[in-house]
Amino acid sequence: MALDKNTPSWVQHLALTVPDVETLETYKKGLIDGGVDVVGPTNHGFCQSIYFFDPNGHRLELTVNTATKDIMDRLESEAGPTLEYWNEHKQAAAKDLTWVHENA
């Protein structure tokens, strides 16, 4: 299957959750020891992730949730309005969820 040429390559990936930061670091070390180029961990404000390509060229992400209860509560309260705006305009509002990355 070919990648969608209208979508940036960094968007097209499979994300898998790991239970904790220690597990993320263990996977990163194992990948690097196996000769795989790894990006990250990247702090997204609510999670930390590493990125790499599998042998077939698929981008994969391993991620761990690091969000506080306050962040999760705020994300939950903004999810509905954010989705409504997207459904109406087919684009994100300029301010949508940018606050998540402010402390990353």
PDB file of N, CA and C in Angstrom:
ATOM      1  N   MET A   1       0.845  -1.173   0.000  1.00  0.00           N
ATOM      2  CA  MET A   1       0.000   0.000   0.000  1.00  0.00           C
ATOM      3  C   MET A   1       0.890   1.235   0.000  1.00  0.00           C
ATOM      4  N   ALA A   2       0.561   2.190  -0.838  1.00  0.00           N
ATOM      5  CA  ALA A   2       1.357   3.409  -0.945  1.00  0.00           C
ATOM      6  C   ALA A   2       0.908   4.430   0.089  1.00  0.00           C
ATOM      7  N   LEU A   3       1.840   5.297   0.487  1.00  0.00           N
ATOM      8  CA  LEU A   3       1.504   6.392   1.384  1.00  0.00           C
ATOM      9  C   LEU A   3       0.645   7.405   0.645  1.00  0.00           C
ATOM     10  N   ASP A   4      -0.222   8.080   1.367  1.00  0.00           N
ATOM     11  CA  ASP A   4      -1.039   9.150   0.806  1.00  0.00           C
ATOM     12  C   ASP A   4      -0.129  10.336   0.517  1.00  0.00           C
ATOM     13  N   LYS A   5       0.026  10.685  -0.742  1.00  0.00           N
ATOM     14  CA  LYS A   5       0.938  11.765  -1.130  1.00  0.00           C
ATOM     15  C   LYS A   5       0.442  13.146  -0.712  1.00  0.00           C
ATOM     16  N   ASN A   6      -0.830  13.249  -0.292  1.00  0.00           N
ATOM     17  CA  ASN A   6      -1.392  14.518   0.156  1.00  0.00           C
ATOM     18  C   ASN A   6      -1.269  14.722   1.664  1.00  0.00           C
ATOM     19  N   THR A   7      -0.676  13.755   2.338  1.00  0.00           N
ATOM     20  CA  THR A   7      -0.536  13.818   3.793  1.00  0.00           C
ATOM     21  C   THR A   7       0.947  13.792   4.132  1.00  0.00           C
ATOM     22  N   PRO A   8       1.409  14.681   5.007  1.00  0.00           N
ATOM     23  CA  PRO A   8       2.824  14.658   5.385  1.00  0.00           C
ATOM     24  C   PRO A   8       3.230  13.289   5.923  1.00  0.00           C
ATOM     25  N   SER A   9       4.432  12.857   5.584  1.00  0.00           N
ATOM     26  CA  SER A   9       4.871  11.505   5.962  1.00  0.00           C
ATOM     27  C   SER A   9       4.903  11.299   7.466  1.00  0.00           C
ATOM     28  N   TRP A  10       5.172  12.364   8.244  1.00  0.00           N
ATOM     29  CA  TRP A  10       5.241  12.190   9.692  1.00  0.00           C
ATOM     30  C   TRP A  10       3.875  11.902  10.298  1.00  0.00           C
ATOM     31  N   VAL A  11       2.803  12.218   9.586  1.00  0.00           N
ATOM     32  CA  VAL A  11       1.445  11.981  10.093  1.00  0.00           C
ATOM     33  C   VAL A  11       1.070  10.511   9.959  1.00  0.00           C
ATOM     34  N   GLN A  12       1.565   9.879   8.933  1.00  0.00           N
ATOM     35  CA  GLN A  12       1.163   8.512   8.612  1.00  0.00           C
ATOM     36  C   GLN A  12       1.997   7.512   9.411  1.00  0.00           C
ATOM     37  N   HIS A  13       1.454   7.104  10.552  1.00  0.00           N
ATOM     38  CA  HIS A  13       2.180   6.172  11.406  1.00  0.00           C
ATOM     39  C   HIS A  13       1.229   5.436  12.332  1.00  0.00           C
ATOM     40  N   LEU A  14       1.748   4.393  12.912  1.00  0.00           N
ATOM     41  CA  LEU A  14       1.012   3.614  13.909  1.00  0.00           C
ATOM     42  C   LEU A  14       1.618   3.906  15.266  1.00  0.00           C
ATOM     43  N   ALA A  15       0.787   4.315  16.222  1.00  0.00           N
ATOM     44  CA  ALA A  15       1.249   4.601  17.582  1.00  0.00           C
ATOM     45  C   ALA A  15       0.798   3.484  18.519  1.00  0.00           C
ATOM     46  N   LEU A  16       1.716   3.010  19.316  1.00  0.00           N
ATOM     47  CA  LEU A  16       1.442   1.965  20.297  1.00  0.00           C
ATOM     48  C   LEU A  16       1.833   2.483  21.679  1.00  0.00           C
ATOM     49  N   THR A  17       1.014   2.189  22.667  1.00  0.00           N
ATOM     50  CA  THR A  17       1.236   2.664  24.026  1.00  0.00           C
ATOM     51  C   THR A  17       2.058   1.657  24.825  1.00  0.00           C
ATOM     52  N   VAL A  18       3.006   2.196  25.589  1.00  0.00           N
ATOM     53  CA  VAL A  18       3.761   1.382  26.546  1.00  0.00           C
ATOM     54  C   VAL A  18       3.382   1.854  27.946  1.00  0.00           C
ATOM     55  N   PRO A  19       3.610   1.028  28.968  1.00  0.00           N
ATOM     56  CA  PRO A  19       3.081   1.349  30.300  1.00  0.00           C
ATOM     57  C   PRO A  19       3.789   2.465  31.065  1.00  0.00           C
ATOM     58  N   ASP A  20       5.085   2.694  30.778  1.00  0.00           N
ATOM     59  CA  ASP A  20       5.805   3.687  31.579  1.00  0.00           C
ATOM     60  C   ASP A  20       7.052   4.158  30.838  1.00  0.00           C
ATOM     61  N   VAL A  21       7.666   5.215  31.370  1.00  0.00           N
ATOM     62  CA  VAL A  21       8.847   5.813  30.742  1.00  0.00           C
ATOM     63  C   VAL A  21      10.003   4.813  30.707  1.00  0.00           C
ATOM     64  N   GLU A  22      10.141   4.003  31.745  1.00  0.00           N
ATOM     65  CA  GLU A  22      11.224   3.023  31.794  1.00  0.00           C
ATOM     66  C   GLU A  22      11.102   2.031  30.641  1.00  0.00           C
ATOM     67  N   THR A  23       9.889   1.589  30.345  1.00  0.00           N
ATOM     68  CA  THR A  23       9.662   0.669  29.232  1.00  0.00           C
ATOM     69  C   THR A  23       9.997   1.347  27.912  1.00  0.00           C
ATOM     70  N   LEU A  24       9.603   2.602  27.769  1.00  0.00           N
ATOM     71  CA  LEU A  24       9.922   3.356  26.563  1.00  0.00           C
ATOM     72  C   LEU A  24      11.436   3.409  26.353  1.00  0.00           C
ATOM     73  N   GLU A  25      12.163   3.716  27.416  1.00  0.00           N
ATOM     74  CA  GLU A  25      13.631   3.791  27.334  1.00  0.00           C
ATOM     75  C   GLU A  25      14.247   2.426  27.013  1.00  0.00           C
ATOM     76  N   THR A  26      13.673   1.349  27.568  1.00  0.00           N
ATOM     77  CA  THR A  26      14.165  -0.007  27.287  1.00  0.00           C
ATOM     78  C   THR A  26      13.991  -0.337  25.810  1.00  0.00           C
ATOM     79  N   TYR A  27      12.816  -0.025  25.257  1.00  0.00           N
ATOM     80  CA  TYR A  27      12.589  -0.257  23.828  1.00  0.00           C
ATOM     81  C   TYR A  27      13.530   0.583  22.981  1.00  0.00           C
ATOM     82  N   LYS A  28      13.722   1.834  23.364  1.00  0.00           N
ATOM     83  CA  LYS A  28      14.632   2.698  22.607  1.00  0.00           C
ATOM     84  C   LYS A  28      16.029   2.095  22.570  1.00  0.00           C
ATOM     85  N   LYS A  29      16.534   1.671  23.722  1.00  0.00           N
ATOM     86  CA  LYS A  29      17.865   1.081  23.790  1.00  0.00           C
ATOM     87  C   LYS A  29      17.946  -0.165  22.912  1.00  0.00           C
ATOM     88  N   GLY A  30      16.936  -1.011  22.983  1.00  0.00           N
ATOM     89  CA  GLY A  30      16.930  -2.230  22.174  1.00  0.00           C
ATOM     90  C   GLY A  30      16.923  -1.937  20.675  1.00  0.00           C
ATOM     91  N   LEU A  31      16.145  -0.934  20.290  1.00  0.00           N
ATOM     92  CA  LEU A  31      16.104  -0.558  18.877  1.00  0.00           C
ATOM     93  C   LEU A  31      17.454  -0.028  18.416  1.00  0.00           C
ATOM     94  N   ILE A  32      18.034   0.871  19.200  1.00  0.00           N
ATOM     95  CA  ILE A  32      19.341   1.444  18.847  1.00  0.00           C
ATOM     96  C   ILE A  32      20.401   0.343  18.804  1.00  0.00           C
ATOM     97  N   ASP A  33      20.380  -0.545  19.803  1.00  0.00           N
ATOM     98  CA  ASP A  33      21.333  -1.663  19.816  1.00  0.00           C
ATOM     99  C   ASP A  33      21.168  -2.552  18.588  1.00  0.00           C
ATOM    100  N   GLY A  34      19.958  -2.602  18.043  1.00  0.00           N
ATOM    101  CA  GLY A  34      19.676  -3.393  16.845  1.00  0.00           C
ATOM    102  C   GLY A  34      19.934  -2.642  15.542  1.00  0.00           C
ATOM    103  N   GLY A  35      20.467  -1.426  15.651  1.00  0.00           N
ATOM    104  CA  GLY A  35      20.814  -0.674  14.445  1.00  0.00           C
ATOM    105  C   GLY A  35      19.703   0.179  13.873  1.00  0.00           C
ATOM    106  N   VAL A  36      18.647   0.389  14.646  1.00  0.00           N
ATOM    107  CA  VAL A  36      17.509   1.187  14.173  1.00  0.00           C
ATOM    108  C   VAL A  36      17.702   2.641  14.598  1.00  0.00           C
ATOM    109  N   ASP A  37      17.491   3.566  13.663  1.00  0.00           N
ATOM    110  CA  ASP A  37      17.519   4.987  13.998  1.00  0.00           C
ATOM    111  C   ASP A  37      16.244   5.335  14.759  1.00  0.00           C
ATOM    112  N   VAL A  38      16.394   6.000  15.902  1.00  0.00           N
ATOM    113  CA  VAL A  38      15.257   6.352  16.752  1.00  0.00           C
ATOM    114  C   VAL A  38      15.268   7.854  17.008  1.00  0.00           C
ATOM    115  N   VAL A  39      14.105   8.478  16.873  1.00  0.00           N
ATOM    116  CA  VAL A  39      13.933   9.884  17.222  1.00  0.00           C
ATOM    117  C   VAL A  39      13.197   9.932  18.550  1.00  0.00           C
ATOM    118  N   GLY A  40      13.717  10.745  19.482  1.00  0.00           N
ATOM    119  CA  GLY A  40      13.043  10.928  20.751  1.00  0.00           C
ATOM    120  C   GLY A  40      13.800  10.306  21.895  1.00  0.00           C
ATOM    121  N   PRO A  41      13.196  10.372  23.065  1.00  0.00           N
ATOM    122  CA  PRO A  41      11.796  10.697  23.301  1.00  0.00           C
ATOM    123  C   PRO A  41      11.488  12.176  23.070  1.00  0.00           C
ATOM    124  N   THR A  42      10.319  12.379  22.492  1.00  0.00           N
ATOM    125  CA  THR A  42       9.776  13.705  22.243  1.00  0.00           C
ATOM    126  C   THR A  42       8.689  13.955  23.278  1.00  0.00           C
ATOM    127  N   ASN A  43       8.790  15.067  23.986  1.00  0.00           N
ATOM    128  CA  ASN A  43       7.797  15.428  24.997  1.00  0.00           C
ATOM    129  C   ASN A  43       6.693  16.225  24.314  1.00  0.00           C
ATOM    130  N   HIS A  44       5.500  15.659  24.275  1.00  0.00           N
ATOM    131  CA  HIS A  44       4.353  16.315  23.647  1.00  0.00           C
ATOM    132  C   HIS A  44       3.473  17.053  24.662  1.00  0.00           C
ATOM    133  N   GLY A  45       3.895  17.114  25.899  1.00  0.00           N
ATOM    134  CA  GLY A  45       3.128  17.806  26.921  1.00  0.00           C
ATOM    135  C   GLY A  45       2.170  16.897  27.668  1.00  0.00           C
ATOM    136  N   PHE A  46       1.661  15.883  27.023  1.00  0.00           N
ATOM    137  CA  PHE A  46       0.744  14.930  27.654  1.00  0.00           C
ATOM    138  C   PHE A  46       1.250  13.499  27.508  1.00  0.00           C
ATOM    139  N   CYS A  47       2.286  13.327  26.695  1.00  0.00           N
ATOM    140  CA  CYS A  47       2.898  12.018  26.498  1.00  0.00           C
ATOM    141  C   CYS A  47       4.336  12.219  26.037  1.00  0.00           C
ATOM    142  N   GLN A  48       5.107  11.141  26.114  1.00  0.00           N
ATOM    143  CA  GLN A  48       6.441  11.117  25.531  1.00  0.00           C
ATOM    144  C   GLN A  48       6.478   9.984  24.523  1.00  0.00           C
ATOM    145  N   SER A  49       7.154  10.226  23.394  1.00  0.00           N
ATOM    146  CA  SER A  49       7.146   9.253  22.314  1.00  0.00           C
ATOM    147  C   SER A  49       8.518   9.091  21.682  1.00  0.00           C
ATOM    148  N   ILE A  50       8.749   7.886  21.166  1.00  0.00           N
ATOM    149  CA  ILE A  50       9.884   7.657  20.279  1.00  0.00           C
ATOM    150  C   ILE A  50       9.321   7.253  18.920  1.00  0.00           C
ATOM    151  N   TYR A  51      10.096   7.532  17.874  1.00  0.00           N
ATOM    152  CA  TYR A  51       9.667   7.257  16.503  1.00  0.00           C
ATOM    153  C   TYR A  51      10.774   6.527  15.767  1.00  0.00           C
ATOM    154  N   PHE A  52      10.368   5.589  14.909  1.00  0.00           N
ATOM    155  CA  PHE A  52      11.335   4.828  14.116  1.00  0.00           C
ATOM    156  C   PHE A  52      10.581   4.182  12.956  1.00  0.00           C
ATOM    157  N   PHE A  53      11.337   3.610  12.014  1.00  0.00           N
ATOM    158  CA  PHE A  53      10.731   2.910  10.886  1.00  0.00           C
ATOM    159  C   PHE A  53      10.945   1.410  11.044  1.00  0.00           C
ATOM    160  N   ASP A  54       9.898   0.635  10.703  1.00  0.00           N
ATOM    161  CA  ASP A  54      10.056  -0.816  10.703  1.00  0.00           C
ATOM    162  C   ASP A  54      10.789  -1.223   9.413  1.00  0.00           C
ATOM    163  N   PRO A  55      11.160  -2.496   9.276  1.00  0.00           N
ATOM    164  CA  PRO A  55      11.917  -2.912   8.080  1.00  0.00           C
ATOM    165  C   PRO A  55      11.182  -2.679   6.754  1.00  0.00           C
ATOM    166  N   ASN A  56       9.869  -2.541   6.785  1.00  0.00           N
ATOM    167  CA  ASN A  56       9.099  -2.294   5.567  1.00  0.00           C
ATOM    168  C   ASN A  56       8.899  -0.812   5.289  1.00  0.00           C
ATOM    169  N   GLY A  57       9.454   0.040   6.131  1.00  0.00           N
ATOM    170  CA  GLY A  57       9.360   1.477   5.899  1.00  0.00           C
ATOM    171  C   GLY A  57       8.170   2.147   6.556  1.00  0.00           C
ATOM    172  N   HIS A  58       7.441   1.426   7.403  1.00  0.00           N
ATOM    173  CA  HIS A  58       6.318   2.028   8.110  1.00  0.00           C
ATOM    174  C   HIS A  58       6.838   2.780   9.331  1.00  0.00           C
ATOM    175  N   ARG A  59       6.359   4.009   9.518  1.00  0.00           N
ATOM    176  CA  ARG A  59       6.754   4.773  10.708  1.00  0.00           C
ATOM    177  C   ARG A  59       5.946   4.258  11.898  1.00  0.00           C
ATOM    178  N   LEU A  60       6.646   4.007  12.995  1.00  0.00           N
ATOM    179  CA  LEU A  60       6.010   3.547  14.227  1.00  0.00           C
ATOM    180  C   LEU A  60       6.332   4.520  15.349  1.00  0.00           C
ATOM    181  N   GLU A  61       5.414   4.600  16.292  1.00  0.00           N
ATOM    182  CA  GLU A  61       5.586   5.431  17.479  1.00  0.00           C
ATOM    183  C   GLU A  61       5.304   4.574  18.697  1.00  0.00           C
ATOM    184  N   LEU A  62       6.192   4.627  19.669  1.00  0.00           N
ATOM    185  CA  LEU A  62       5.909   4.063  20.980  1.00  0.00           C
ATOM    186  C   LEU A  62       5.724   5.248  21.904  1.00  0.00           C
ATOM    187  N   THR A  63       4.645   5.241  22.670  1.00  0.00           N
ATOM    188  CA  THR A  63       4.301   6.406  23.468  1.00  0.00           C
ATOM    189  C   THR A  63       3.851   5.997  24.862  1.00  0.00           C
ATOM    190  N   VAL A  64       4.116   6.888  25.804  1.00  0.00           N
ATOM    191  CA  VAL A  64       3.677   6.675  27.180  1.00  0.00           C
ATOM    192  C   VAL A  64       2.933   7.929  27.633  1.00  0.00           C
ATOM    193  N   ASN A  65       1.793   7.728  28.263  1.00  0.00           N
ATOM    194  CA  ASN A  65       0.993   8.839  28.774  1.00  0.00           C
ATOM    195  C   ASN A  65       1.679   9.417  30.003  1.00  0.00           C
ATOM    196  N   THR A  66       1.966  10.717  29.960  1.00  0.00           N
ATOM    197  CA  THR A  66       2.577  11.400  31.100  1.00  0.00           C
ATOM    198  C   THR A  66       1.711  12.564  31.577  1.00  0.00           C
ATOM    199  N   ALA A  67       0.468  12.589  31.129  1.00  0.00           N
ATOM    200  CA  ALA A  67      -0.421  13.708  31.451  1.00  0.00           C
ATOM    201  C   ALA A  67      -0.848  13.694  32.913  1.00  0.00           C
ATOM    202  N   THR A  68      -0.959  14.883  33.463  1.00  0.00           N
ATOM    203  CA  THR A  68      -1.519  15.028  34.802  1.00  0.00           C
ATOM    204  C   THR A  68      -3.041  14.972  34.708  1.00  0.00           C
ATOM    205  N   LYS A  69      -3.702  14.847  35.837  1.00  0.00           N
ATOM    206  CA  LYS A  69      -5.162  14.858  35.856  1.00  0.00           C
ATOM    207  C   LYS A  69      -5.688  16.187  35.323  1.00  0.00           C
ATOM    208  N   ASP A  70      -5.036  17.291  35.667  1.00  0.00           N
ATOM    209  CA  ASP A  70      -5.474  18.602  35.175  1.00  0.00           C
ATOM    210  C   ASP A  70      -5.425  18.681  33.651  1.00  0.00           C
ATOM    211  N   ILE A  71      -4.346  18.173  33.073  1.00  0.00           N
ATOM    212  CA  ILE A  71      -4.238  18.178  31.611  1.00  0.00           C
ATOM    213  C   ILE A  71      -5.327  17.315  30.995  1.00  0.00           C
ATOM    214  N   MET A  72      -5.539  16.120  31.533  1.00  0.00           N
ATOM    215  CA  MET A  72      -6.570  15.230  30.977  1.00  0.00           C
ATOM    216  C   MET A  72      -7.960  15.837  31.116  1.00  0.00           C
ATOM    217  N   ASP A  73      -8.249  16.469  32.244  1.00  0.00           N
ATOM    218  CA  ASP A  73      -9.552  17.116  32.433  1.00  0.00           C
ATOM    219  C   ASP A  73      -9.756  18.226  31.402  1.00  0.00           C
ATOM    220  N   ARG A  74      -8.713  19.023  31.180  1.00  0.00           N
ATOM    221  CA  ARG A  74      -8.834  20.120  30.214  1.00  0.00           C
ATOM    222  C   ARG A  74      -8.977  19.579  28.795  1.00  0.00           C
ATOM    223  N   LEU A  75      -8.203  18.555  28.439  1.00  0.00           N
ATOM    224  CA  LEU A  75      -8.346  17.945  27.109  1.00  0.00           C
ATOM    225  C   LEU A  75      -9.765  17.416  26.906  1.00  0.00           C
ATOM    226  N   GLU A  76     -10.285  16.753  27.937  1.00  0.00           N
ATOM    227  CA  GLU A  76     -11.643  16.207  27.833  1.00  0.00           C
ATOM    228  C   GLU A  76     -12.671  17.318  27.652  1.00  0.00           C
ATOM    229  N   SER A  77     -12.509  18.432  28.372  1.00  0.00           N
ATOM    230  CA  SER A  77     -13.479  19.527  28.262  1.00  0.00           C
ATOM    231  C   SER A  77     -13.405  20.228  26.904  1.00  0.00           C
ATOM    232  N   GLU A  78     -12.237  20.201  26.263  1.00  0.00           N
ATOM    233  CA  GLU A  78     -12.079  20.880  24.978  1.00  0.00           C
ATOM    234  C   GLU A  78     -12.295  19.962  23.776  1.00  0.00           C
ATOM    235  N   ALA A  79     -12.403  18.669  24.012  1.00  0.00           N
ATOM    236  CA  ALA A  79     -12.520  17.720  22.901  1.00  0.00           C
ATOM    237  C   ALA A  79     -13.760  17.966  22.046  1.00  0.00           C
ATOM    238  N   GLY A  80     -14.911  18.144  22.682  1.00  0.00           N
ATOM    239  CA  GLY A  80     -16.153  18.350  21.928  1.00  0.00           C
ATOM    240  C   GLY A  80     -16.105  19.578  21.037  1.00  0.00           C
ATOM    241  N   PRO A  81     -15.819  20.762  21.584  1.00  0.00           N
ATOM    242  CA  PRO A  81     -15.744  21.958  20.754  1.00  0.00           C
ATOM    243  C   PRO A  81     -14.675  21.870  19.655  1.00  0.00           C
ATOM    244  N   THR A  82     -13.554  21.233  19.962  1.00  0.00           N
ATOM    245  CA  THR A  82     -12.493  21.089  18.964  1.00  0.00           C
ATOM    246  C   THR A  82     -12.978  20.233  17.802  1.00  0.00           C
ATOM    247  N   LEU A  83     -13.642  19.133  18.102  1.00  0.00           N
ATOM    248  CA  LEU A  83     -14.164  18.246  17.063  1.00  0.00           C
ATOM    249  C   LEU A  83     -15.279  18.922  16.268  1.00  0.00           C
ATOM    250  N   GLU A  84     -16.142  19.654  16.933  1.00  0.00           N
ATOM    251  CA  GLU A  84     -17.206  20.384  16.226  1.00  0.00           C
ATOM    252  C   GLU A  84     -16.609  21.376  15.231  1.00  0.00           C
ATOM    253  N   TYR A  85     -15.591  22.116  15.642  1.00  0.00           N
ATOM    254  CA  TYR A  85     -14.952  23.079  14.745  1.00  0.00           C
ATOM    255  C   TYR A  85     -14.352  22.357  13.545  1.00  0.00           C
ATOM    256  N   TRP A  86     -13.667  21.247  13.809  1.00  0.00           N
ATOM    257  CA  TRP A  86     -13.064  20.469  12.723  1.00  0.00           C
ATOM    258  C   TRP A  86     -14.134  19.976  11.753  1.00  0.00           C
ATOM    259  N   ASN A  87     -15.218  19.435  12.264  1.00  0.00           N
ATOM    260  CA  ASN A  87     -16.277  18.917  11.405  1.00  0.00           C
ATOM    261  C   ASN A  87     -16.887  20.005  10.534  1.00  0.00           C
ATOM    262  N   GLU A  88     -16.982  21.210  11.068  1.00  0.00           N
ATOM    263  CA  GLU A  88     -17.567  22.320  10.308  1.00  0.00           C
ATOM    264  C   GLU A  88     -16.583  22.902   9.295  1.00  0.00           C
ATOM    265  N   HIS A  89     -15.312  23.049   9.677  1.00  0.00           N
ATOM    266  CA  HIS A  89     -14.339  23.767   8.845  1.00  0.00           C
ATOM    267  C   HIS A  89     -13.315  22.874   8.158  1.00  0.00           C
ATOM    268  N   LYS A  90     -13.231  21.606   8.562  1.00  0.00           N
ATOM    269  CA  LYS A  90     -12.258  20.650   8.032  1.00  0.00           C
ATOM    270  C   LYS A  90     -10.815  21.134   8.194  1.00  0.00           C
ATOM    271  N   GLN A  91     -10.580  21.852   9.259  1.00  0.00           N
ATOM    272  CA  GLN A  91      -9.239  22.270   9.669  1.00  0.00           C
ATOM    273  C   GLN A  91      -9.283  22.611  11.146  1.00  0.00           C
ATOM    274  N   ALA A  92      -8.116  22.567  11.752  1.00  0.00           N
ATOM    275  CA  ALA A  92      -8.036  22.904  13.170  1.00  0.00           C
ATOM    276  C   ALA A  92      -8.083  24.410  13.349  1.00  0.00           C
ATOM    277  N   ALA A  93      -8.713  24.852  14.411  1.00  0.00           N
ATOM    278  CA  ALA A  93      -8.669  26.271  14.758  1.00  0.00           C
ATOM    279  C   ALA A  93      -7.235  26.592  15.162  1.00  0.00           C
ATOM    280  N   ALA A  94      -6.801  27.806  14.893  1.00  0.00           N
ATOM    281  CA  ALA A  94      -5.413  28.193  15.143  1.00  0.00           C
ATOM    282  C   ALA A  94      -4.993  27.950  16.595  1.00  0.00           C
ATOM    283  N   LYS A  95      -5.907  28.125  17.527  1.00  0.00           N
ATOM    284  CA  LYS A  95      -5.563  28.004  18.943  1.00  0.00           C
ATOM    285  C   LYS A  95      -5.809  26.615  19.510  1.00  0.00           C
ATOM    286  N   ASP A  96      -6.457  25.737  18.779  1.00  0.00           N
ATOM    287  CA  ASP A  96      -6.847  24.442  19.321  1.00  0.00           C
ATOM    288  C   ASP A  96      -5.680  23.655  19.892  1.00  0.00           C
ATOM    289  N   LEU A  97      -5.753  23.380  21.152  1.00  0.00           N
ATOM    290  CA  LEU A  97      -4.871  22.477  21.884  1.00  0.00           C
ATOM    291  C   LEU A  97      -3.392  22.839  21.846  1.00  0.00           C
ATOM    292  N   THR A  98      -3.051  24.018  21.345  1.00  0.00           N
ATOM    293  CA  THR A  98      -1.641  24.420  21.339  1.00  0.00           C
ATOM    294  C   THR A  98      -1.099  24.548  22.754  1.00  0.00           C
ATOM    295  N   TRP A  99      -1.970  24.791  23.715  1.00  0.00           N
ATOM    296  CA  TRP A  99      -1.557  24.935  25.116  1.00  0.00           C
ATOM    297  C   TRP A  99      -0.888  23.658  25.633  1.00  0.00           C
ATOM    298  N   VAL A 100      -1.241  22.503  25.067  1.00  0.00           N
ATOM    299  CA  VAL A 100      -0.678  21.237  25.546  1.00  0.00           C
ATOM    300  C   VAL A 100       0.838  21.250  25.410  1.00  0.00           C
ATOM    301  N   HIS A 101       1.333  21.869  24.347  1.00  0.00           N
ATOM    302  CA  HIS A 101       2.769  21.840  24.048  1.00  0.00           C
ATOM    303  C   HIS A 101       3.540  22.961  24.727  1.00  0.00           C
ATOM    304  N   GLU A 102       2.850  23.874  25.382  1.00  0.00           N
ATOM    305  CA  GLU A 102       3.519  25.025  25.985  1.00  0.00           C
ATOM    306  C   GLU A 102       4.528  24.635  27.054  1.00  0.00           C
ATOM    307  N   ASN A 103       4.251  23.567  27.794  1.00  0.00           N
ATOM    308  CA  ASN A 103       5.153  23.149  28.869  1.00  0.00           C
ATOM    309  C   ASN A 103       5.974  21.920  28.487  1.00  0.00           C
ATOM    310  N   ALA A 104       5.949  21.581  27.221  1.00  0.00           N
ATOM    311  CA  ALA A 104       6.687  20.384  26.767  1.00  0.00           C
ATOM    312  C   ALA A 104       8.173  20.665  26.670  1.00  0.00           C
TER     313      ALA A 104
END
